[in-house]
Amino acid sequence: MDKTPKGRGGLKALAEAVSPLGLFSTFTPKDPARRSGRAIAFGSHARLKLDVYAPVKTAGPAPVAIFFYGGSWDTGRRQDYGWAARALAAKGFLTVAPDYRLHPDVVYPAFLQDGAAAVRWAADHAAAHGGDPSRIVLAGHSAGAYIAMMLGLDGRYLREAGVDPGCIRALAGLSGPYEFQPPYQNSTIIRTFGGAADPAATQPAAHVTATSPPAFLGHGDSDKLVGRRNMRTLAQAYRDKGAVVEDRVYPGMDHSGMVLALSRPFRSRAPVLEEMTGFLRAQVG
């Protein structure tokens, strides 16, 4: 139950709406897509809602993309990333954009459980929105990339949610923090993952097998927030197991620039959208 006072909640909503990302989301040119669902609940917590964006034209059921935004696992809201979801929809994916619970309300692995619940919703309801629930891809940026990778690689979260992990056909992560081991040095990692009973299990690379979903990994060479070693570690784990991976380094791109490159105003800076969706489409057919 949400116990936030209405006045305080209203001020928070206003602050989010006029934040730089909120303003960008409001005024940036958007790709053509049809909003097929808005603020659909997929769990009992007030934050567990999702939006659905459908391609304007399709020739049969569309593959389904679930996009997880970033924000250090303590900030973010789906409304500020509608332009990213629309970009994927315009490339032919029925796109689901879910929220998930954030620190300090939760720590690992609650946001993975929330992500799994969003996948369960897609598996159950995508067909009603024109999607093919047997062809699901997971994508994300930063903390959202971590969520996408963990859900695709560690099948226990989907199985606990009642989903066959085999429905995940491919993964895509932009600027993801995939490699962090105790002793933790980063305050964000300490507060979010410090209480994990099995620290090794928090690492995506630990779950890669020869049959892991094919993965697209993108990173900017000017990223000062998440080191490139994160992508290198996960990509090498894929190669060591003989699984399919494509890793790309984008010159001149910083951490936020990687997700902004999905938007129409910044798309010319790097071919992130074209290369990512091209890889995903090749996997889902």
Protein backbone atom coordinates (compact mmCIF):
# COMPACT_ATOMS: atom_id res chain seq x y z
CA MET A 1 0.00 0.00 0.00
CA ASP A 2 1.29 3.46 -0.90
CA LYS A 3 1.43 5.54 2.29
CA THR A 4 2.98 8.64 0.73
CA PRO A 5 1.01 11.76 1.70
CA LYS A 6 -0.94 13.09 -1.23
CA GLY A 7 0.68 16.51 -1.04
CA ARG A 8 4.18 15.13 -0.94
CA GLY A 9 3.38 12.63 -3.68
CA GLY A 10 2.03 15.43 -5.86
CA LEU A 11 5.18 17.46 -5.40
CA LYS A 12 7.31 14.44 -6.24
CA ALA A 13 5.31 13.77 -9.39
CA LEU A 14 5.65 17.42 -10.40
CA ALA A 15 9.41 17.35 -9.79
CA GLU A 16 9.76 14.23 -11.92
CA ALA A 17 7.69 15.73 -14.70
CA VAL A 18 9.89 18.83 -14.90
CA SER A 19 13.19 16.96 -14.49
CA PRO A 20 15.54 17.05 -17.51
CA LEU A 21 14.53 13.52 -18.50
CA GLY A 22 10.86 14.27 -17.92
CA LEU A 23 11.07 17.33 -20.14
CA PHE A 24 13.01 15.40 -22.77
CA SER A 25 10.34 12.71 -22.76
CA THR A 26 7.60 15.30 -23.13
CA PHE A 27 9.06 17.35 -25.95
CA THR A 28 11.34 15.04 -27.94
CA PRO A 29 10.08 13.92 -31.37
CA LYS A 30 8.76 10.38 -31.10
CA ASP A 31 8.72 7.42 -33.45
CA PRO A 32 5.38 6.26 -34.84
CA ALA A 33 3.83 3.65 -32.58
CA ARG A 34 0.42 2.83 -31.16
CA ARG A 35 0.03 2.87 -27.38
CA SER A 36 -1.84 -0.36 -26.78
CA GLY A 37 -1.94 -0.21 -22.99
CA ARG A 38 -1.19 2.32 -20.26
CA ALA A 39 -0.51 1.89 -16.53
CA ILE A 40 -1.48 -1.79 -16.58
CA ALA A 41 -0.93 -3.40 -13.19
CA PHE A 42 1.19 -6.57 -13.19
CA GLY A 43 1.57 -6.90 -9.42
CA SER A 44 0.08 -5.69 -6.15
CA HIS A 45 2.63 -2.95 -5.39
CA ALA A 46 1.72 0.54 -6.58
CA ARG A 47 4.87 0.78 -8.71
CA LEU A 48 4.21 -2.41 -10.63
CA LYS A 49 2.61 -0.96 -13.73
CA LEU A 50 3.56 -1.11 -17.38
CA ASP A 51 2.83 0.55 -20.70
CA VAL A 52 2.56 -1.23 -24.04
CA TYR A 53 3.51 0.17 -27.45
CA ALA A 54 2.61 -1.62 -30.67
CA PRO A 55 3.95 -1.24 -34.21
CA VAL A 56 1.68 0.80 -36.43
CA LYS A 57 1.73 -1.93 -39.09
CA THR A 58 2.51 -5.62 -38.70
CA ALA A 59 2.20 -8.71 -40.85
CA GLY A 60 1.11 -11.13 -38.15
CA PRO A 61 2.01 -11.31 -34.47
CA ALA A 62 5.04 -9.17 -33.60
CA PRO A 63 7.99 -10.28 -31.52
CA VAL A 64 7.82 -8.87 -27.99
CA ALA A 65 10.49 -6.61 -26.47
CA ILE A 66 10.51 -5.80 -22.75
CA PHE A 67 12.61 -2.70 -22.04
CA PHE A 68 14.00 -2.01 -18.57
CA TYR A 69 15.23 1.54 -17.90
CA GLY A 70 18.26 2.34 -15.73
CA GLY A 71 18.80 4.57 -12.72
CA SER A 72 21.14 2.80 -10.27
CA TRP A 73 18.21 0.69 -9.02
CA ASP A 74 17.01 3.71 -7.01
CA THR A 75 15.46 6.08 -9.58
CA GLY A 76 13.42 5.92 -12.75
CA ARG A 77 9.89 5.71 -14.07
CA ARG A 78 8.51 4.26 -17.26
CA GLN A 79 6.84 7.52 -18.33
CA ASP A 80 10.24 9.06 -18.97
CA TYR A 81 11.22 6.34 -21.44
CA GLY A 82 8.21 6.19 -23.72
CA TRP A 83 10.39 7.46 -26.57
CA ALA A 84 12.71 4.44 -26.17
CA ALA A 85 9.78 2.03 -26.16
CA ARG A 86 8.33 3.75 -29.22
CA ALA A 87 11.68 3.41 -31.01
CA LEU A 88 11.60 -0.35 -30.50
CA ALA A 89 7.94 -0.53 -31.53
CA ALA A 90 8.72 1.35 -34.73
CA LYS A 91 11.27 -1.39 -35.48
CA GLY A 92 8.53 -4.01 -35.35
CA PHE A 93 8.45 -5.09 -31.70
CA LEU A 94 5.42 -5.07 -29.44
CA THR A 95 7.19 -3.23 -26.64
CA VAL A 96 6.45 -3.51 -22.93
CA ALA A 97 7.88 -0.79 -20.64
CA PRO A 98 7.52 -1.79 -16.97
CA ASP A 99 8.36 -0.03 -13.73
CA TYR A 100 9.95 -1.97 -10.87
CA ARG A 101 10.50 -1.38 -7.17
CA LEU A 102 13.51 0.70 -6.18
CA HIS A 103 15.97 1.16 -3.33
CA PRO A 104 15.53 2.03 -0.45
CA ASP A 105 12.20 0.18 -0.50
CA VAL A 106 13.89 -2.97 -1.81
CA VAL A 107 17.30 -4.46 -2.49
CA TYR A 108 18.51 -7.33 -4.67
CA PRO A 109 16.82 -9.51 -5.83
CA ALA A 110 13.41 -7.79 -5.55
CA PHE A 111 13.81 -5.82 -8.79
CA LEU A 112 14.63 -9.07 -10.60
CA GLN A 113 11.47 -10.63 -9.22
CA ASP A 114 9.54 -7.59 -10.45
CA GLY A 115 11.12 -7.92 -13.88
CA ALA A 116 10.14 -11.59 -13.95
CA ALA A 117 6.56 -10.60 -13.12
CA ALA A 118 6.59 -8.23 -16.09
CA VAL A 119 7.78 -11.07 -18.32
CA ARG A 120 4.98 -13.23 -16.94
CA TRP A 121 2.48 -10.53 -17.86
CA ALA A 122 3.88 -10.40 -21.38
CA ALA A 123 3.77 -14.18 -21.74
CA ASP A 124 0.12 -14.16 -20.63
CA HIS A 125 -1.15 -11.04 -22.39
CA ALA A 126 1.08 -10.10 -25.35
CA ALA A 127 -1.12 -11.98 -27.80
CA ALA A 128 -4.07 -9.74 -26.92
CA HIS A 129 -1.97 -6.75 -27.98
CA GLY A 130 -0.73 -8.27 -31.24
CA GLY A 131 2.45 -9.89 -29.94
CA ASP A 132 3.92 -13.37 -30.11
CA PRO A 133 4.64 -14.58 -26.55
CA SER A 134 6.90 -17.34 -27.85
CA ARG A 135 9.33 -14.71 -29.19
CA ILE A 136 10.30 -12.44 -26.31
CA VAL A 137 13.49 -10.39 -26.11
CA LEU A 138 14.72 -8.49 -23.06
CA ALA A 139 16.55 -5.18 -23.36
CA GLY A 140 17.72 -2.49 -21.02
CA HIS A 141 20.13 0.32 -20.23
CA SER A 142 22.48 0.54 -17.24
CA ALA A 143 20.73 -0.98 -14.17
CA GLY A 144 17.98 -2.06 -16.56
CA ALA A 145 20.56 -3.89 -18.69
CA TYR A 146 21.59 -5.80 -15.58
CA ILE A 147 17.96 -6.78 -14.98
CA ALA A 148 17.52 -7.90 -18.60
CA MET A 149 20.69 -9.98 -18.55
CA MET A 150 20.02 -11.62 -15.20
CA LEU A 151 16.47 -12.57 -16.14
CA GLY A 152 17.68 -14.10 -19.39
CA LEU A 153 20.68 -15.91 -17.91
CA ASP A 154 19.51 -17.04 -14.46
CA GLY A 155 16.30 -18.89 -15.23
CA ARG A 156 15.21 -19.28 -11.60
CA TYR A 157 13.49 -15.88 -11.53
CA LEU A 158 11.32 -16.64 -14.55
CA ARG A 159 10.58 -20.16 -13.33
CA GLU A 160 9.52 -18.80 -9.93
CA ALA A 161 7.17 -16.44 -11.77
CA GLY A 162 5.69 -19.34 -13.72
CA VAL A 163 7.42 -18.55 -17.02
CA ASP A 164 9.34 -20.97 -19.24
CA PRO A 165 12.80 -19.36 -19.67
CA GLY A 166 12.83 -20.81 -23.18
CA CYS A 167 10.48 -18.05 -24.36
CA ILE A 168 13.38 -15.57 -24.10
CA ARG A 169 14.94 -15.59 -27.54
CA ALA A 170 17.58 -12.85 -27.15
CA LEU A 171 18.97 -10.19 -24.84
CA ALA A 172 20.30 -6.67 -25.35
CA GLY A 173 22.18 -4.58 -22.82
CA LEU A 174 23.48 -1.04 -23.14
CA SER A 175 26.10 0.24 -20.67
CA GLY A 176 25.26 -2.45 -18.15
CA PRO A 177 27.02 -3.04 -14.80
CA TYR A 178 27.61 -6.77 -15.13
CA GLU A 179 30.84 -7.28 -13.20
CA PHE A 180 31.21 -6.42 -9.52
CA GLN A 181 32.70 -8.69 -6.88
CA PRO A 182 33.21 -8.34 -3.12
CA PRO A 183 34.77 -6.45 -1.50
CA TYR A 184 32.43 -3.88 -3.04
CA GLN A 185 33.88 -0.41 -3.58
CA ASN A 186 30.85 1.38 -5.02
CA SER A 187 28.24 2.77 -2.59
CA THR A 188 25.39 1.94 -4.97
CA ILE A 189 26.50 -1.68 -5.16
CA ILE A 190 27.04 -1.88 -1.39
CA ARG A 191 23.56 -0.68 -0.50
CA THR A 192 21.83 -2.70 -3.21
CA PHE A 193 23.77 -5.97 -3.23
CA GLY A 194 25.71 -5.94 0.06
CA GLY A 195 23.25 -8.23 1.80
CA ALA A 196 23.21 -10.91 -0.90
CA ALA A 197 23.58 -14.36 0.65
CA ASP A 198 25.48 -15.61 -2.40
CA PRO A 199 27.46 -12.74 -3.95
CA ALA A 200 28.69 -14.89 -6.84
CA ALA A 201 25.09 -15.51 -7.93
CA THR A 202 24.58 -11.77 -8.47
CA GLN A 203 26.99 -11.85 -11.43
CA PRO A 204 25.45 -12.37 -14.90
CA ALA A 205 28.60 -14.07 -16.21
CA ALA A 206 28.24 -16.80 -13.59
CA HIS A 207 25.04 -18.00 -15.28
CA VAL A 208 26.16 -18.12 -18.92
CA THR A 209 25.89 -21.53 -20.57
CA ALA A 210 26.24 -22.78 -24.12
CA THR A 211 22.46 -22.45 -24.54
CA SER A 212 22.08 -18.95 -23.09
CA PRO A 213 19.97 -16.55 -25.17
CA PRO A 214 22.07 -14.71 -27.78
CA ALA A 215 23.15 -11.32 -26.44
CA PHE A 216 23.89 -7.91 -27.91
CA LEU A 217 26.14 -5.80 -25.68
CA GLY A 218 26.80 -2.11 -26.35
CA HIS A 219 29.05 0.31 -24.50
CA GLY A 220 30.31 3.84 -25.06
CA ASP A 221 34.05 4.44 -25.01
CA SER A 222 33.49 7.69 -23.08
CA ASP A 223 31.45 6.08 -20.30
CA LYS A 224 32.84 7.31 -16.95
CA LEU A 225 30.11 5.72 -14.83
CA VAL A 226 30.25 2.05 -15.82
CA GLY A 227 33.62 0.69 -16.91
CA ARG A 228 33.99 -1.16 -20.20
CA ARG A 229 35.31 -4.19 -18.31
CA ASN A 230 31.67 -4.98 -17.47
CA MET A 231 30.90 -5.65 -21.12
CA ARG A 232 34.22 -7.42 -21.72
CA THR A 233 33.67 -9.79 -18.78
CA LEU A 234 30.19 -10.82 -19.90
CA ALA A 235 31.15 -11.08 -23.57
CA GLN A 236 34.12 -13.28 -22.68
CA ALA A 237 31.90 -15.54 -20.58
CA TYR A 238 29.68 -15.99 -23.63
CA ARG A 239 32.62 -16.82 -25.85
CA ASP A 240 34.11 -19.22 -23.32
CA LYS A 241 30.83 -21.17 -23.33
CA GLY A 242 30.38 -21.00 -27.09
CA ALA A 243 27.20 -18.95 -26.84
CA VAL A 244 26.23 -16.25 -29.34
CA VAL A 245 27.26 -12.70 -28.44
CA GLU A 246 27.83 -9.47 -30.33
CA ASP A 247 29.63 -6.67 -28.48
CA ARG A 248 29.98 -3.15 -29.79
CA VAL A 249 31.97 -0.16 -28.54
CA TYR A 250 30.65 3.20 -29.73
CA PRO A 251 33.20 6.02 -30.08
CA GLY A 252 32.42 9.27 -28.30
CA MET A 253 29.39 7.89 -26.46
CA ASP A 254 29.05 8.33 -22.70
CA HIS A 255 26.78 6.48 -20.28
CA SER A 256 23.55 8.39 -20.86
CA GLY A 257 24.36 8.91 -24.52
CA MET A 258 23.95 5.21 -25.18
CA VAL A 259 20.26 5.19 -24.31
CA LEU A 260 19.66 8.64 -25.76
CA ALA A 261 20.97 7.26 -29.06
CA LEU A 262 17.69 5.34 -29.30
CA SER A 263 15.84 8.66 -29.59
CA ARG A 264 15.24 10.52 -32.82
CA PRO A 265 17.18 13.68 -31.85
CA PHE A 266 20.38 11.75 -30.96
CA ARG A 267 20.13 8.74 -33.26
CA SER A 268 22.61 10.12 -35.76
CA ARG A 269 25.41 10.05 -33.16
CA ALA A 270 25.75 6.26 -33.18
CA PRO A 271 23.95 3.34 -34.88
CA VAL A 272 22.88 1.83 -31.54
CA LEU A 273 19.22 1.36 -32.44
CA GLU A 274 19.88 -0.10 -35.88
CA GLU A 275 22.53 -2.53 -34.70
CA MET A 276 20.70 -3.59 -31.56
CA THR A 277 17.33 -4.18 -33.21
CA GLY A 278 19.00 -5.77 -36.24
CA PHE A 279 20.61 -8.32 -33.92
CA LEU A 280 17.38 -8.95 -32.04
CA ARG A 281 15.34 -9.37 -35.21
CA ALA A 282 17.85 -11.88 -36.54
CA GLN A 283 17.31 -14.00 -33.41
CA VAL A 284 13.50 -13.94 -33.36
CA GLY A 285 12.99 -14.39 -37.08
